[in-house]
Protein backbone atom coordinates (compact mmCIF):
# COMPACT_ATOMS: atom_id res chain seq x y z
CA MET A 1 6.86 15.93 3.92
CA GLU A 2 9.50 15.91 2.13
CA VAL A 3 10.90 11.71 2.01
CA PRO A 4 12.93 10.61 -1.40
CA ALA A 5 12.12 10.09 -4.39
CA ASN A 6 9.95 6.91 -5.10
CA HIS A 7 13.49 4.95 -6.92
CA VAL A 8 14.59 5.15 -4.02
CA TRP A 9 11.90 2.87 -2.22
CA LYS A 10 11.24 0.27 -5.99
CA GLY A 11 14.38 -0.01 -6.67
CA SER A 12 16.47 -3.38 -6.57
CA TRP A 13 13.82 -5.49 -4.76
CA ARG A 14 15.58 -8.76 -6.27
CA LEU A 15 18.40 -8.38 -4.13
CA LEU A 16 16.26 -7.33 -1.37
CA ALA A 17 14.17 -10.69 -1.56
CA LEU A 18 17.68 -12.51 -1.45
CA ALA A 19 18.03 -10.30 2.17
CA LEU A 20 14.67 -11.75 3.40
CA VAL A 21 14.92 -15.07 2.33
CA SER A 22 18.53 -14.91 3.96
CA PHE A 23 17.12 -14.60 7.28
CA ALA A 24 17.47 -18.18 8.34
CA VAL A 25 19.12 -18.39 10.71
CA SER A 26 20.72 -21.92 11.41
CA SER A 27 22.55 -21.17 14.17
CA VAL A 28 18.64 -21.32 15.69
CA ALA A 29 17.29 -24.57 16.83
CA LEU A 30 13.57 -25.30 16.48
CA ALA A 31 12.21 -26.05 20.03
CA SER A 32 9.07 -26.53 19.02
CA GLU A 33 7.16 -25.93 15.71
CA VAL A 34 6.42 -22.50 14.63
CA LYS A 35 2.77 -21.88 14.20
CA GLU A 36 1.16 -18.76 12.01
CA SER A 37 -2.45 -17.81 12.45
CA ALA A 38 -4.33 -14.80 10.80
CA GLY A 39 -5.44 -11.77 12.87
CA SER A 40 -6.56 -7.58 12.36
CA PHE A 41 -7.18 -4.93 13.81
CA GLU A 42 -8.99 -1.75 13.19
CA SER A 43 -7.21 1.20 12.79
CA GLY A 44 -9.06 4.70 10.99
CA GLY A 45 -11.86 3.02 10.70
CA LYS A 46 -10.47 0.66 8.28
CA THR A 47 -9.45 -3.74 9.05
CA ILE A 48 -6.05 -3.88 8.62
CA ALA A 49 -4.78 -7.61 8.78
CA VAL A 50 -1.71 -9.05 10.45
CA ASP A 51 0.07 -11.64 9.55
CA ARG A 52 0.90 -13.91 13.34
CA TYR A 53 3.77 -16.26 14.27
CA GLY A 54 4.68 -17.63 17.06
CA GLN A 55 6.17 -21.41 18.70
CA SER A 56 3.09 -24.04 18.55
CA SER A 57 3.94 -24.25 22.17
CA LEU A 58 5.64 -22.69 24.99
CA PRO A 59 8.85 -23.59 27.00
CA ASN A 60 8.09 -25.77 29.60
CA ASN A 61 4.51 -25.61 28.35
CA ASP A 62 3.76 -22.08 30.44
CA ALA A 63 0.78 -20.29 29.38
CA LYS A 64 2.00 -17.30 31.37
CA LEU A 65 4.96 -16.68 30.11
CA LYS A 66 5.04 -13.43 28.21
CA LEU A 67 7.02 -13.01 25.12
CA PRO A 68 8.72 -9.80 23.02
CA ALA A 69 7.31 -9.18 20.27
CA VAL A 70 8.21 -7.65 16.59
CA ILE A 71 6.20 -5.95 13.69
CA ILE A 72 7.45 -6.41 10.79
CA VAL A 73 7.72 -3.43 8.39
CA HIS A 74 7.63 -3.75 4.50
CA GLY A 75 8.53 -2.28 1.89
CA ALA A 76 7.37 0.45 -1.05
CA GLY A 77 6.49 -3.53 -3.32
CA GLY A 78 3.80 -4.36 -0.63
CA LEU A 79 3.57 -8.31 0.51
CA ASN A 80 2.30 -9.58 -2.48
CA GLU A 81 6.10 -9.54 -4.22
CA HIS A 82 7.61 -11.03 -1.54
CA ALA A 83 5.40 -12.43 0.53
CA GLU A 84 7.54 -15.75 1.39
CA ALA A 85 10.17 -13.71 2.36
CA TYR A 86 8.58 -12.19 4.83
CA LYS A 87 6.90 -14.71 5.95
CA LYS A 88 10.41 -16.84 6.20
CA TYR A 89 11.92 -14.01 8.73
CA ALA A 90 8.60 -13.82 10.82
CA GLN A 91 9.29 -18.30 11.04
CA ASP A 92 12.87 -17.37 12.17
CA LEU A 93 12.26 -15.16 14.71
CA ALA A 94 9.15 -16.91 16.47
CA ALA A 95 11.82 -19.83 16.46
CA ALA A 96 14.36 -17.73 18.42
CA GLY A 97 11.73 -16.79 20.74
CA TYR A 98 9.88 -13.58 19.58
CA MET A 99 6.56 -13.42 18.34
CA ALA A 100 6.50 -11.91 15.25
CA PHE A 101 2.91 -9.58 13.46
CA VAL A 102 3.45 -9.18 9.63
CA VAL A 103 1.45 -6.05 9.31
CA HIS A 104 -0.66 -5.23 6.21
CA TYR A 105 -0.41 -1.15 7.10
CA PHE A 106 -0.82 -0.58 3.18
CA ASP A 107 -4.67 -1.74 4.44
CA ARG A 108 -5.07 1.75 6.10
CA THR A 109 -5.03 3.54 2.86
CA GLU A 110 -6.20 0.40 0.34
CA THR A 111 -2.44 1.49 -0.97
CA LYS A 112 -1.48 -1.62 -3.95
CA SER A 113 0.98 -0.01 -5.57
CA THR A 114 3.55 2.90 -4.54
CA ASP A 115 5.05 5.86 -6.14
CA ASP A 116 6.22 8.77 -4.61
CA LYS A 117 3.20 10.71 -4.15
CA THR A 118 1.53 8.13 -2.24
CA ILE A 119 4.05 7.44 -0.23
CA ARG A 120 3.99 11.38 0.61
CA MET A 121 0.58 11.47 1.09
CA ASN A 122 0.28 8.10 2.89
CA PHE A 123 3.12 8.53 5.28
CA LEU A 124 1.92 9.45 8.94
CA THR A 125 -1.19 7.71 7.72
CA TRP A 126 0.64 4.57 7.85
CA MET A 127 3.01 5.84 10.95
CA LYS A 128 -0.30 5.61 13.03
CA THR A 129 -1.28 2.50 11.72
CA LEU A 130 1.64 0.62 13.24
CA GLN A 131 1.16 2.67 16.51
CA ASP A 132 -2.08 0.77 16.66
CA ALA A 133 -0.30 -2.11 15.60
CA ALA A 134 1.86 -2.32 19.20
CA THR A 135 -1.71 -1.52 20.52
CA TYR A 136 -3.18 -4.59 18.96
CA ALA A 137 0.09 -6.84 19.45
CA GLY A 138 0.62 -5.66 23.19
CA LYS A 139 -2.97 -7.18 23.61
CA GLN A 140 -2.30 -10.80 22.56
CA PRO A 141 -1.82 -13.20 25.08
CA ASN A 142 1.92 -14.15 25.33
CA VAL A 143 3.38 -11.13 24.26
CA ASP A 144 5.00 -8.57 26.93
CA GLU A 145 3.88 -5.56 25.82
CA LYS A 146 7.01 -3.53 27.69
CA LYS A 147 9.20 -5.71 24.69
CA ILE A 148 8.22 -4.88 21.48
CA GLY A 149 10.41 -3.67 18.65
CA LEU A 150 10.13 -3.14 15.43
CA LEU A 151 11.92 -4.18 12.03
CA GLY A 152 11.85 -2.59 8.77
CA PHE A 153 12.96 -2.36 5.22
CA SER A 154 14.00 0.61 2.77
CA LEU A 155 10.32 2.48 3.36
CA GLY A 156 9.71 0.43 6.08
CA SER A 157 13.10 1.32 8.06
CA TYR A 158 11.71 5.06 7.59
CA LEU A 159 8.13 4.06 8.58
CA SER A 160 9.42 2.78 11.76
CA LEU A 161 12.27 4.91 12.78
CA ALA A 162 9.87 7.53 12.56
CA THR A 163 6.84 5.44 14.74
CA ALA A 164 9.69 4.63 17.05
CA GLY A 165 11.10 8.51 17.57
CA ARG A 166 7.32 9.54 18.75
CA ASP A 167 5.88 6.77 20.35
CA PRO A 168 8.53 5.41 23.61
CA ARG A 169 6.57 1.99 23.44
CA PHE A 170 9.28 0.36 21.17
CA GLY A 171 12.13 -0.81 22.95
CA ALA A 172 14.56 -1.71 19.85
CA VAL A 173 14.78 -0.86 15.99
CA VAL A 174 16.61 -2.77 13.47
CA GLU A 175 16.19 -1.10 9.91
CA TYR A 176 17.71 -2.21 6.68
CA PHE A 177 18.88 0.52 4.49
CA GLY A 178 16.33 2.86 5.29
CA GLY A 179 16.50 6.57 7.08
CA TYR A 180 14.91 8.98 9.12
CA PRO A 181 12.83 11.24 7.30
CA GLY A 182 14.43 14.81 7.30
CA PRO A 183 11.39 17.08 8.29
CA LEU A 184 10.42 14.71 11.35
CA ALA A 185 13.71 14.24 12.99
CA ALA A 186 13.21 17.78 14.40
CA MET A 187 10.58 16.57 16.21
CA VAL A 188 12.22 13.62 17.73
CA GLN A 189 13.12 13.59 21.61
CA LYS A 190 13.52 10.42 22.07
CA MET A 191 15.43 6.83 20.08
CA PRO A 192 15.11 3.31 21.48
CA PRO A 193 18.59 1.77 20.49
CA THR A 194 18.82 1.21 16.59
CA LEU A 195 20.51 -0.93 14.80
CA ILE A 196 22.02 0.53 11.23
CA LEU A 197 22.21 -2.08 8.37
CA HIS A 198 23.43 -0.15 4.73
CA GLY A 199 25.02 -1.16 2.06
CA GLU A 200 27.61 1.18 0.76
CA ASP A 201 27.18 0.81 -2.85
CA ASP A 202 22.97 1.10 -2.30
CA LYS A 203 21.89 3.03 -5.53
CA SER A 204 18.27 3.34 -3.51
CA VAL A 205 18.91 4.44 -0.29
CA SER A 206 22.00 5.98 -0.85
CA VAL A 207 24.55 5.28 2.37
CA GLN A 208 24.89 8.73 3.53
CA GLU A 209 21.08 8.48 4.52
CA ALA A 210 22.53 6.39 7.17
CA HIS A 211 24.74 8.92 8.45
CA LYS A 212 22.41 11.18 8.36
CA LEU A 213 20.94 8.41 10.94
CA GLU A 214 23.77 7.81 13.14
CA GLU A 215 24.17 11.87 12.98
CA LEU A 216 20.46 11.87 14.17
CA LEU A 217 20.87 9.13 16.88
CA LYS A 218 24.15 10.54 18.38
CA SER A 219 22.23 14.20 18.65
CA LYS A 220 20.08 12.89 20.84
CA HIS A 221 22.04 10.43 23.11
CA ALA A 222 20.69 6.71 21.84
CA THR A 223 21.63 3.74 21.71
CA TYR A 224 22.58 2.50 18.40
CA GLU A 225 24.78 0.52 16.46
CA ILE A 226 25.94 0.44 12.53
CA LYS A 227 27.13 -1.85 10.34
CA LEU A 228 28.28 -0.47 6.44
CA TYR A 229 28.66 -3.41 4.15
CA PRO A 230 31.29 -2.68 1.21
CA GLY A 231 29.72 -3.29 -2.04
CA GLN A 232 26.70 -4.00 -1.55
CA GLY A 233 23.52 -2.38 -2.80
CA HIS A 234 20.14 -2.78 -1.77
CA GLY A 235 19.90 -5.74 -0.43
CA PHE A 236 22.90 -7.89 1.36
CA THR A 237 23.94 -11.29 -0.33
CA GLY A 238 26.30 -13.98 0.33
CA GLU A 239 28.15 -14.01 4.23
CA ASP A 240 27.30 -10.52 4.35
CA SER A 241 23.35 -11.31 4.46
CA LYS A 242 24.51 -13.30 7.04
CA ASP A 243 26.53 -11.91 9.01
CA ALA A 244 23.91 -9.08 8.82
CA VAL A 245 20.87 -12.00 10.77
CA LYS A 246 23.15 -12.55 13.02
CA ARG A 247 23.35 -8.89 14.48
CA ALA A 248 19.65 -8.25 13.63
CA LEU A 249 19.21 -11.60 16.42
CA ALA A 250 21.54 -10.55 18.56
CA PHE A 251 20.51 -6.79 18.62
CA PHE A 252 17.33 -7.71 20.06
CA ASP A 253 17.83 -10.14 22.24
CA LYS A 254 20.30 -7.23 23.71
CA HIS A 255 17.59 -4.84 23.76
CA LEU A 256 14.14 -6.39 23.33
CA LYS A 257 14.77 -9.89 25.17
CA ASN A 258 16.84 -9.83 27.41
CA ALA A 259 16.50 -5.52 28.11
CA GLN A 260 16.49 -4.78 31.86
CA PRO A 261 13.24 -2.75 33.52
CA ALA A 262 14.39 0.63 33.88
CA PRO A 263 15.00 1.69 37.21
CA ALA A 264 12.52 3.20 39.29
CA GLN A 265 12.70 7.08 39.84
CA SER A 266 12.95 8.14 43.40
CA LYS A 267 11.00 9.87 45.04
């Protein structure tokens, strides 16, 4: 599979960590404490760990309430280096009314570190793991199986987009500084609503990847938004980071949380 060289995935991780930490949403009032729990599911005969986040008490204590879910897909650095940053992202999504799932998809291939060869060899396997993660999320109490989204970073964005292009269960994708793997683009039938967030000065994943993704989405008549940040690299800082957060939440709210069911087909 043709994927960018390894430096694409692993560069500028300090900025990526800053971008993740900056997801703290000051405008969201914590209606209830966020609860974290551990889970797992089977994928390809391997046990995949999942960190689950949700509000400890549901609005009006409605046990039957179904919430939208977002699967968070980490980058090539895995979860060890930036576990607290991804955790913060998940906590803030939960506070905003989502069930959030941080999936340890490297467990499927027992990957500890990545290089170009490892990514090429395991990419399709990781995609299948994300599909199994969607099945797992959809079976959880209080999750609306028809409202599952993907939030990806760098390598995680490539995986999220490629998986959503083959699996119609995903209702929305927010991707930070990623792209769509070229060899898989020809097989895309339909894409869900997608938000593209990319730095114009990204030296790890060129902004051209964002432009190519936009052209793909146009060709598939997909709903999308794109925001390019001048002067930002592989990760956003300052006011641009806050702006990206607001856009991500607003996009999920519009296309996942508040999405209306498709009209029934007339017979």
